[in-house]
Amino acid sequence: MEPPPDNIVINGRHVSNCSTNRDKTLECTAGSLFKTRVQTGNQVRLRLISNSASAPLYFSLDNHTLSIVEIDGTEIEPIATTRVFLNPGQRYSVLISANQTVGNYKMRVAAARSCFHLGHMGEGAPSLASVNYQAVGVLSYDDVDDDLKPIGNPWDLSAKSNNITGEEPWDNACRDLPFDLPQPKTKKMASGVGDGNYHSFIFSREDINGTVRSYINDVSELEDFCIRVHTVLTTHTDPFRNSKERRHLVESHEL
């Protein structure tokens, strides 16, 4: 299983605290925050792209609501929310309105800690914990000095609703938006798909007595598959004695 990240960055920037790192030769007071500006009264589009390798993330902006208007290249009817849940590789566009008190506000990209494996060889994630499991950026209004203390309050990422946008669209922790919730802004007919081009890859995960096991199409044989391949390479014998078994394993793991 992938180790947890040591840090989270916004546009390549964030501070670090390596005091928990075993390599004591590292400089422990390094890094800077990503900063950007808006003009009072303007509406701004933010393009969110998760470059994470394994950890899902939450994006939010203190005191500001978000309007999701695009998902993975498809413009959609606006969806109001206070946060965006991003799995690795996902892309969203959100609109924000600069309608709050003039000042500095924190942009937050927080690790969805309940949605991925934090422990690794019993060590946990001390480096990530040292930055409170999140990256922070600064959104400044007008000509406000961006070194001044930010104002505003963070959103509750576990809240099911709030008194501004109402019910949150994320109906389940660690899940994408409900499939039928985003509606394309431009309606298009689905492309015709031949009978030989229907493929479905269903990913699932379960915890059995503390051991997390992943499945693709209800198959969890990757470890056994790798052991068998290693046997072929090192002994030049074929452990796939049954051709049906060989075909099943190869088809299950050539994704």
C-alpha atoms as a PDB file:
ATOM      1  CA  MET A   1       0.000   0.000   0.000  1.00  0.00           C
ATOM      2  CA  GLU A   2       1.207   3.498  -0.825  1.00  0.00           C
ATOM      3  CA  PRO A   3       2.804   5.431   2.053  1.00  0.00           C
ATOM      4  CA  PRO A   4       0.962   8.582   3.165  1.00  0.00           C
ATOM      5  CA  PRO A   5       2.224  11.891   1.741  1.00  0.00           C
ATOM      6  CA  ASP A   6       4.707  13.983   3.715  1.00  0.00           C
ATOM      7  CA  ASN A   7       3.002  17.242   2.759  1.00  0.00           C
ATOM      8  CA  ILE A   8       0.337  18.845   0.578  1.00  0.00           C
ATOM      9  CA  VAL A   9       1.059  21.758  -1.738  1.00  0.00           C
ATOM     10  CA  ILE A  10      -1.011  24.372  -3.594  1.00  0.00           C
ATOM     11  CA  ASN A  11       0.523  25.250  -6.971  1.00  0.00           C
ATOM     12  CA  GLY A  12       3.778  23.765  -5.709  1.00  0.00           C
ATOM     13  CA  ARG A  13       3.934  25.837  -2.527  1.00  0.00           C
ATOM     14  CA  HIS A  14       3.519  25.216   1.174  1.00  0.00           C
ATOM     15  CA  VAL A  15       5.514  25.376   4.373  1.00  0.00           C
ATOM     16  CA  SER A  16       7.185  22.343   5.891  1.00  0.00           C
ATOM     17  CA  ASN A  17       8.109  21.161   9.340  1.00  0.00           C
ATOM     18  CA  CYS A  18      10.724  18.432   9.239  1.00  0.00           C
ATOM     19  CA  SER A  19      11.283  18.309  12.993  1.00  0.00           C
ATOM     20  CA  THR A  20       9.598  14.907  12.936  1.00  0.00           C
ATOM     21  CA  ASN A  21      11.773  13.676  10.080  1.00  0.00           C
ATOM     22  CA  ARG A  22      14.448  11.132  10.901  1.00  0.00           C
ATOM     23  CA  ASP A  23      16.959  12.989   8.717  1.00  0.00           C
ATOM     24  CA  LYS A  24      17.953  15.750  11.141  1.00  0.00           C
ATOM     25  CA  THR A  25      20.190  17.393   8.529  1.00  0.00           C
ATOM     26  CA  LEU A  26      17.157  18.843   6.722  1.00  0.00           C
ATOM     27  CA  GLU A  27      16.272  22.518   7.082  1.00  0.00           C
ATOM     28  CA  CYS A  28      13.123  22.662   9.163  1.00  0.00           C
ATOM     29  CA  THR A  29      11.988  26.208   8.472  1.00  0.00           C
ATOM     30  CA  ALA A  30      11.352  26.181   4.755  1.00  0.00           C
ATOM     31  CA  GLY A  31       8.647  26.935   2.223  1.00  0.00           C
ATOM     32  CA  SER A  32       6.098  29.636   1.486  1.00  0.00           C
ATOM     33  CA  LEU A  33       2.354  29.893   0.971  1.00  0.00           C
ATOM     34  CA  PHE A  34       0.628  30.279  -2.378  1.00  0.00           C
ATOM     35  CA  LYS A  35      -1.064  33.704  -2.538  1.00  0.00           C
ATOM     36  CA  THR A  36      -3.488  35.291  -4.987  1.00  0.00           C
ATOM     37  CA  ARG A  37      -5.852  38.296  -5.169  1.00  0.00           C
ATOM     38  CA  VAL A  38      -9.399  39.226  -6.097  1.00  0.00           C
ATOM     39  CA  GLN A  39     -11.155  42.543  -6.464  1.00  0.00           C
ATOM     40  CA  THR A  40     -14.165  43.266  -4.274  1.00  0.00           C
ATOM     41  CA  GLY A  41     -17.401  42.500  -6.102  1.00  0.00           C
ATOM     42  CA  ASN A  42     -15.801  40.310  -8.766  1.00  0.00           C
ATOM     43  CA  GLN A  43     -16.609  36.679  -9.473  1.00  0.00           C
ATOM     44  CA  VAL A  44     -13.598  34.432 -10.069  1.00  0.00           C
ATOM     45  CA  ARG A  45     -13.275  30.951 -11.563  1.00  0.00           C
ATOM     46  CA  LEU A  46     -10.844  28.614  -9.813  1.00  0.00           C
ATOM     47  CA  ARG A  47      -9.593  25.536 -11.627  1.00  0.00           C
ATOM     48  CA  LEU A  48      -8.998  22.674  -9.193  1.00  0.00           C
ATOM     49  CA  ILE A  49      -6.824  19.757 -10.303  1.00  0.00           C
ATOM     50  CA  SER A  50      -5.775  17.018  -7.887  1.00  0.00           C
ATOM     51  CA  ASN A  51      -2.185  15.942  -8.511  1.00  0.00           C
ATOM     52  CA  SER A  52      -2.301  13.557  -5.567  1.00  0.00           C
ATOM     53  CA  ALA A  53      -0.909  10.051  -5.990  1.00  0.00           C
ATOM     54  CA  SER A  54      -3.290   8.331  -3.588  1.00  0.00           C
ATOM     55  CA  ALA A  55      -4.800  10.679  -0.996  1.00  0.00           C
ATOM     56  CA  PRO A  56      -8.224  12.241  -1.686  1.00  0.00           C
ATOM     57  CA  LEU A  57      -8.495  15.922  -0.776  1.00  0.00           C
ATOM     58  CA  TYR A  58     -11.020  18.564   0.254  1.00  0.00           C
ATOM     59  CA  PHE A  59     -10.789  22.105  -1.122  1.00  0.00           C
ATOM     60  CA  SER A  60     -12.497  24.964   0.717  1.00  0.00           C
ATOM     61  CA  LEU A  61     -12.199  28.731   1.152  1.00  0.00           C
ATOM     62  CA  ASP A  62     -12.933  30.276   4.545  1.00  0.00           C
ATOM     63  CA  ASN A  63     -16.219  32.235   4.651  1.00  0.00           C
ATOM     64  CA  HIS A  64     -16.863  31.737   0.925  1.00  0.00           C
ATOM     65  CA  THR A  65     -19.268  29.338  -0.743  1.00  0.00           C
ATOM     66  CA  LEU A  66     -18.372  27.612  -4.003  1.00  0.00           C
ATOM     67  CA  SER A  67     -20.368  26.995  -7.152  1.00  0.00           C
ATOM     68  CA  ILE A  68     -19.236  23.931  -9.119  1.00  0.00           C
ATOM     69  CA  VAL A  69     -19.600  24.691 -12.853  1.00  0.00           C
ATOM     70  CA  GLU A  70     -17.374  22.106 -14.543  1.00  0.00           C
ATOM     71  CA  ILE A  71     -16.266  18.533 -13.880  1.00  0.00           C
ATOM     72  CA  ASP A  72     -13.502  16.847 -15.882  1.00  0.00           C
ATOM     73  CA  GLY A  73     -13.994  19.097 -18.906  1.00  0.00           C
ATOM     74  CA  THR A  74     -17.798  19.080 -18.965  1.00  0.00           C
ATOM     75  CA  GLU A  75     -19.633  22.301 -18.062  1.00  0.00           C
ATOM     76  CA  ILE A  76     -22.563  21.620 -15.747  1.00  0.00           C
ATOM     77  CA  GLU A  77     -25.456  23.462 -14.172  1.00  0.00           C
ATOM     78  CA  PRO A  78     -24.114  25.175 -11.006  1.00  0.00           C
ATOM     79  CA  ILE A  79     -23.984  23.125  -7.800  1.00  0.00           C
ATOM     80  CA  ALA A  80     -23.682  25.118  -4.559  1.00  0.00           C
ATOM     81  CA  THR A  81     -21.397  23.811  -1.832  1.00  0.00           C
ATOM     82  CA  THR A  82     -18.798  24.816   0.770  1.00  0.00           C
ATOM     83  CA  ARG A  83     -16.234  22.194  -0.249  1.00  0.00           C
ATOM     84  CA  VAL A  84     -15.070  20.061  -3.151  1.00  0.00           C
ATOM     85  CA  PHE A  85     -13.969  16.453  -2.675  1.00  0.00           C
ATOM     86  CA  LEU A  86     -11.241  15.480  -5.148  1.00  0.00           C
ATOM     87  CA  ASN A  87      -9.960  12.006  -5.798  1.00  0.00           C
ATOM     88  CA  PRO A  88      -6.515  11.714  -7.449  1.00  0.00           C
ATOM     89  CA  GLY A  89      -6.574  13.119 -10.986  1.00  0.00           C
ATOM     90  CA  GLN A  90     -10.015  14.713 -10.759  1.00  0.00           C
ATOM     91  CA  ARG A  91     -10.684  18.219 -12.114  1.00  0.00           C
ATOM     92  CA  TYR A  92     -13.299  20.754 -11.082  1.00  0.00           C
ATOM     93  CA  SER A  93     -14.000  24.416 -11.806  1.00  0.00           C
ATOM     94  CA  VAL A  94     -15.682  26.510  -9.121  1.00  0.00           C
ATOM     95  CA  LEU A  95     -16.899  30.091  -9.035  1.00  0.00           C
ATOM     96  CA  ILE A  96     -16.336  32.260  -5.979  1.00  0.00           C
ATOM     97  CA  SER A  97     -17.826  35.699  -5.345  1.00  0.00           C
ATOM     98  CA  ALA A  98     -15.672  38.326  -3.623  1.00  0.00           C
ATOM     99  CA  ASN A  99     -18.531  39.520  -1.428  1.00  0.00           C
ATOM    100  CA  GLN A 100     -17.011  39.220   2.043  1.00  0.00           C
ATOM    101  CA  THR A 101     -15.300  41.738   4.331  1.00  0.00           C
ATOM    102  CA  VAL A 102     -12.105  43.052   2.736  1.00  0.00           C
ATOM    103  CA  GLY A 103      -9.134  41.112   4.116  1.00  0.00           C
ATOM    104  CA  ASN A 104      -7.154  37.891   3.742  1.00  0.00           C
ATOM    105  CA  TYR A 105      -8.823  34.477   3.698  1.00  0.00           C
ATOM    106  CA  LYS A 106      -7.353  30.990   3.879  1.00  0.00           C
ATOM    107  CA  MET A 107      -7.708  28.546   1.022  1.00  0.00           C
ATOM    108  CA  ARG A 108      -7.476  25.037   2.435  1.00  0.00           C
ATOM    109  CA  VAL A 109      -6.611  21.722   0.795  1.00  0.00           C
ATOM    110  CA  ALA A 110      -7.115  19.108   3.481  1.00  0.00           C
ATOM    111  CA  ALA A 111      -6.376  15.404   3.332  1.00  0.00           C
ATOM    112  CA  ALA A 112      -9.542  13.351   3.643  1.00  0.00           C
ATOM    113  CA  ARG A 113      -7.989  11.328   6.435  1.00  0.00           C
ATOM    114  CA  SER A 114     -10.843   8.869   6.835  1.00  0.00           C
ATOM    115  CA  CYS A 115     -10.659   7.927   3.153  1.00  0.00           C
ATOM    116  CA  PHE A 116      -7.125   6.573   2.795  1.00  0.00           C
ATOM    117  CA  HIS A 117      -4.478   4.625   4.681  1.00  0.00           C
ATOM    118  CA  LEU A 118      -2.445   6.884   6.999  1.00  0.00           C
ATOM    119  CA  GLY A 119      -0.381   4.306   8.834  1.00  0.00           C
ATOM    120  CA  HIS A 120       2.705   2.851   7.137  1.00  0.00           C
ATOM    121  CA  MET A 121       4.856   0.224   8.820  1.00  0.00           C
ATOM    122  CA  GLY A 122       3.570   1.496  12.164  1.00  0.00           C
ATOM    123  CA  GLU A 123       5.002   4.974  11.638  1.00  0.00           C
ATOM    124  CA  GLY A 124       1.819   6.896  10.828  1.00  0.00           C
ATOM    125  CA  ALA A 125       2.214  10.228   9.039  1.00  0.00           C
ATOM    126  CA  PRO A 126       4.179  12.552  11.374  1.00  0.00           C
ATOM    127  CA  SER A 127       5.258  14.957   8.623  1.00  0.00           C
ATOM    128  CA  LEU A 128       1.694  15.406   7.404  1.00  0.00           C
ATOM    129  CA  ALA A 129       0.445  15.746  10.974  1.00  0.00           C
ATOM    130  CA  SER A 130       2.965  18.545  11.558  1.00  0.00           C
ATOM    131  CA  VAL A 131       1.123  20.712   9.003  1.00  0.00           C
ATOM    132  CA  ASN A 132      -2.277  19.729  10.391  1.00  0.00           C
ATOM    133  CA  TYR A 133      -2.954  17.401   7.450  1.00  0.00           C
ATOM    134  CA  GLN A 134      -3.568  20.298   5.086  1.00  0.00           C
ATOM    135  CA  ALA A 135      -2.056  22.906   2.794  1.00  0.00           C
ATOM    136  CA  VAL A 136      -3.018  26.542   3.228  1.00  0.00           C
ATOM    137  CA  GLY A 137      -2.964  29.392   0.712  1.00  0.00           C
ATOM    138  CA  VAL A 138      -4.012  33.037   1.004  1.00  0.00           C
ATOM    139  CA  LEU A 139      -6.719  34.818  -0.974  1.00  0.00           C
ATOM    140  CA  SER A 140      -6.380  38.589  -0.534  1.00  0.00           C
ATOM    141  CA  TYR A 141      -8.963  41.245  -1.367  1.00  0.00           C
ATOM    142  CA  ASP A 142      -7.948  44.366  -3.299  1.00  0.00           C
ATOM    143  CA  ASP A 143      -4.660  45.838  -2.012  1.00  0.00           C
ATOM    144  CA  VAL A 144      -4.700  44.277   1.457  1.00  0.00           C
ATOM    145  CA  ASP A 145      -1.235  43.375   2.737  1.00  0.00           C
ATOM    146  CA  ASP A 146      -1.110  39.597   2.275  1.00  0.00           C
ATOM    147  CA  ASP A 147       1.087  39.248   5.361  1.00  0.00           C
ATOM    148  CA  LEU A 148      -1.710  40.435   7.638  1.00  0.00           C
ATOM    149  CA  LYS A 149      -3.484  37.807   9.726  1.00  0.00           C
ATOM    150  CA  PRO A 150      -6.287  36.085   7.766  1.00  0.00           C
ATOM    151  CA  ILE A 151      -9.873  36.586   8.843  1.00  0.00           C
ATOM    152  CA  GLY A 152     -12.888  34.324   8.468  1.00  0.00           C
ATOM    153  CA  ASN A 153     -13.624  30.831   9.690  1.00  0.00           C
ATOM    154  CA  PRO A 154     -13.109  27.375   8.178  1.00  0.00           C
ATOM    155  CA  TRP A 155     -16.073  25.305   7.043  1.00  0.00           C
ATOM    156  CA  ASP A 156     -17.021  22.103   8.813  1.00  0.00           C
ATOM    157  CA  LEU A 157     -16.044  19.475   6.234  1.00  0.00           C
ATOM    158  CA  SER A 158     -18.252  16.873   7.870  1.00  0.00           C
ATOM    159  CA  ALA A 159     -21.415  19.002   7.911  1.00  0.00           C
ATOM    160  CA  LYS A 160     -24.376  17.647   5.955  1.00  0.00           C
ATOM    161  CA  SER A 161     -25.858  21.120   5.459  1.00  0.00           C
ATOM    162  CA  ASN A 162     -25.386  24.796   6.287  1.00  0.00           C
ATOM    163  CA  ASN A 163     -27.570  27.887   6.486  1.00  0.00           C
ATOM    164  CA  ILE A 164     -26.224  29.419   3.248  1.00  0.00           C
ATOM    165  CA  THR A 165     -26.166  26.756   0.526  1.00  0.00           C
ATOM    166  CA  GLY A 166     -28.510  24.339   2.299  1.00  0.00           C
ATOM    167  CA  GLU A 167     -27.904  20.595   1.964  1.00  0.00           C
ATOM    168  CA  GLU A 168     -24.404  19.647   0.894  1.00  0.00           C
ATOM    169  CA  PRO A 169     -24.236  17.654  -2.385  1.00  0.00           C
ATOM    170  CA  TRP A 170     -21.691  15.173  -0.998  1.00  0.00           C
ATOM    171  CA  ASP A 171     -24.130  12.619   0.398  1.00  0.00           C
ATOM    172  CA  ASN A 172     -21.514  10.114   1.519  1.00  0.00           C
ATOM    173  CA  ALA A 173     -18.015  10.452   2.923  1.00  0.00           C
ATOM    174  CA  CYS A 174     -15.248   9.331   0.563  1.00  0.00           C
ATOM    175  CA  ARG A 175     -17.586   9.307  -2.447  1.00  0.00           C
ATOM    176  CA  ASP A 176     -17.922  11.404  -5.578  1.00  0.00           C
ATOM    177  CA  LEU A 177     -21.046  13.437  -6.243  1.00  0.00           C
ATOM    178  CA  PRO A 178     -24.162  11.317  -6.763  1.00  0.00           C
ATOM    179  CA  PHE A 179     -24.079  10.108 -10.372  1.00  0.00           C
ATOM    180  CA  ASP A 180     -27.308  11.808 -11.442  1.00  0.00           C
ATOM    181  CA  LEU A 181     -26.709  15.122  -9.640  1.00  0.00           C
ATOM    182  CA  PRO A 182     -24.397  16.972 -12.110  1.00  0.00           C
ATOM    183  CA  GLN A 183     -26.370  17.976 -15.188  1.00  0.00           C
ATOM    184  CA  PRO A 184     -24.485  18.943 -18.397  1.00  0.00           C
ATOM    185  CA  LYS A 185     -25.090  22.518 -19.483  1.00  0.00           C
ATOM    186  CA  THR A 186     -25.246  21.413 -23.114  1.00  0.00           C
ATOM    187  CA  LYS A 187     -27.267  18.282 -23.768  1.00  0.00           C
ATOM    188  CA  LYS A 188     -25.691  15.781 -26.170  1.00  0.00           C
ATOM    189  CA  MET A 189     -26.683  12.373 -27.382  1.00  0.00           C
ATOM    190  CA  ALA A 190     -24.479   9.565 -26.133  1.00  0.00           C
ATOM    191  CA  SER A 191     -22.145   8.099 -28.734  1.00  0.00           C
ATOM    192  CA  GLY A 192     -23.022   4.704 -30.115  1.00  0.00           C
ATOM    193  CA  VAL A 193     -21.010   1.898 -28.534  1.00  0.00           C
ATOM    194  CA  GLY A 194     -20.478  -1.454 -30.207  1.00  0.00           C
ATOM    195  CA  ASP A 195     -21.379  -4.700 -28.472  1.00  0.00           C
ATOM    196  CA  GLY A 196     -17.684  -5.522 -28.061  1.00  0.00           C
ATOM    197  CA  ASN A 197     -16.827  -2.258 -26.297  1.00  0.00           C
ATOM    198  CA  TYR A 198     -18.687  -2.542 -23.029  1.00  0.00           C
ATOM    199  CA  HIS A 199     -16.204  -2.635 -20.143  1.00  0.00           C
ATOM    200  CA  SER A 200     -16.831  -2.111 -16.469  1.00  0.00           C
ATOM    201  CA  PHE A 201     -14.155  -1.809 -13.776  1.00  0.00           C
ATOM    202  CA  ILE A 202     -15.610  -1.690 -10.276  1.00  0.00           C
ATOM    203  CA  PHE A 203     -13.231  -0.830  -7.438  1.00  0.00           C
ATOM    204  CA  SER A 204     -14.042  -1.749  -3.834  1.00  0.00           C
ATOM    205  CA  ARG A 205     -12.189  -2.050  -0.549  1.00  0.00           C
ATOM    206  CA  GLU A 206     -12.760  -3.791   2.766  1.00  0.00           C
ATOM    207  CA  ASP A 207     -11.042  -3.919   6.136  1.00  0.00           C
ATOM    208  CA  ILE A 208     -10.648  -7.418   7.551  1.00  0.00           C
ATOM    209  CA  ASN A 209      -9.269  -7.354  11.095  1.00  0.00           C
ATOM    210  CA  GLY A 210      -7.106  -4.338  10.311  1.00  0.00           C
ATOM    211  CA  THR A 211      -5.941  -5.590   6.908  1.00  0.00           C
ATOM    212  CA  VAL A 212      -7.201  -3.456   4.028  1.00  0.00           C
ATOM    213  CA  ARG A 213      -7.833  -5.403   0.844  1.00  0.00           C
ATOM    214  CA  SER A 214      -8.734  -3.851  -2.522  1.00  0.00           C
ATOM    215  CA  TYR A 215     -10.771  -5.488  -5.278  1.00  0.00           C
ATOM    216  CA  ILE A 216     -11.256  -4.831  -8.964  1.00  0.00           C
ATOM    217  CA  ASN A 217     -14.402  -6.507 -10.294  1.00  0.00           C
ATOM    218  CA  ASP A 218     -14.494  -8.563  -7.087  1.00  0.00           C
ATOM    219  CA  VAL A 219     -10.966  -9.920  -7.778  1.00  0.00           C
ATOM    220  CA  SER A 220      -8.196  -9.469  -5.222  1.00  0.00           C
ATOM    221  CA  GLU A 221      -5.468 -11.756  -6.500  1.00  0.00           C
ATOM    222  CA  LEU A 222      -2.758  -9.256  -7.450  1.00  0.00           C
ATOM    223  CA  GLU A 223      -0.339 -10.450  -4.776  1.00  0.00           C
ATOM    224  CA  ASP A 224      -0.810 -14.075  -5.807  1.00  0.00           C
ATOM    225  CA  PHE A 225      -0.534 -13.052  -9.451  1.00  0.00           C
ATOM    226  CA  CYS A 226       2.791 -11.267  -8.841  1.00  0.00           C
ATOM    227  CA  ILE A 227       4.178 -14.261  -6.937  1.00  0.00           C
ATOM    228  CA  ARG A 228       3.348 -16.515  -9.863  1.00  0.00           C
ATOM    229  CA  VAL A 229       4.935 -14.166 -12.405  1.00  0.00           C
ATOM    230  CA  HIS A 230       8.061 -14.032 -10.224  1.00  0.00           C
ATOM    231  CA  THR A 231       8.145 -17.826 -10.236  1.00  0.00           C
ATOM    232  CA  VAL A 232       8.083 -17.859 -14.041  1.00  0.00           C
ATOM    233  CA  LEU A 233      10.926 -15.355 -14.296  1.00  0.00           C
ATOM    234  CA  THR A 234      13.194 -17.017 -11.737  1.00  0.00           C
ATOM    235  CA  THR A 235      12.565 -20.721 -12.331  1.00  0.00           C
ATOM    236  CA  HIS A 236      11.418 -20.765 -15.961  1.00  0.00           C
ATOM    237  CA  THR A 237       8.493 -22.936 -14.972  1.00  0.00           C
ATOM    238  CA  ASP A 238       4.860 -22.213 -15.587  1.00  0.00           C
ATOM    239  CA  PRO A 239       2.766 -22.077 -12.393  1.00  0.00           C
ATOM    240  CA  PHE A 240      -0.308 -21.336 -14.522  1.00  0.00           C
ATOM    241  CA  ARG A 241      -1.049 -24.959 -15.126  1.00  0.00           C
ATOM    242  CA  ASN A 242      -4.653 -24.350 -15.978  1.00  0.00           C
ATOM    243  CA  SER A 243      -5.150 -22.221 -19.105  1.00  0.00           C
ATOM    244  CA  LYS A 244      -8.508 -20.957 -17.820  1.00  0.00           C
ATOM    245  CA  GLU A 245      -6.850 -19.833 -14.570  1.00  0.00           C
ATOM    246  CA  ARG A 246      -4.090 -18.049 -16.542  1.00  0.00           C
ATOM    247  CA  ARG A 247      -6.597 -16.246 -18.726  1.00  0.00           C
ATOM    248  CA  HIS A 248      -8.670 -15.191 -15.715  1.00  0.00           C
ATOM    249  CA  LEU A 249      -5.666 -13.700 -13.890  1.00  0.00           C
ATOM    250  CA  VAL A 250      -4.304 -11.860 -16.919  1.00  0.00           C
ATOM    251  CA  GLU A 251      -7.688 -10.403 -17.829  1.00  0.00           C
ATOM    252  CA  SER A 252      -8.221  -9.347 -14.227  1.00  0.00           C
ATOM    253  CA  HIS A 253      -4.994  -7.357 -13.985  1.00  0.00           C
ATOM    254  CA  GLU A 254      -4.352  -5.929 -17.440  1.00  0.00           C
ATOM    255  CA  LEU A 255      -6.246  -2.680 -16.775  1.00  0.00           C
END
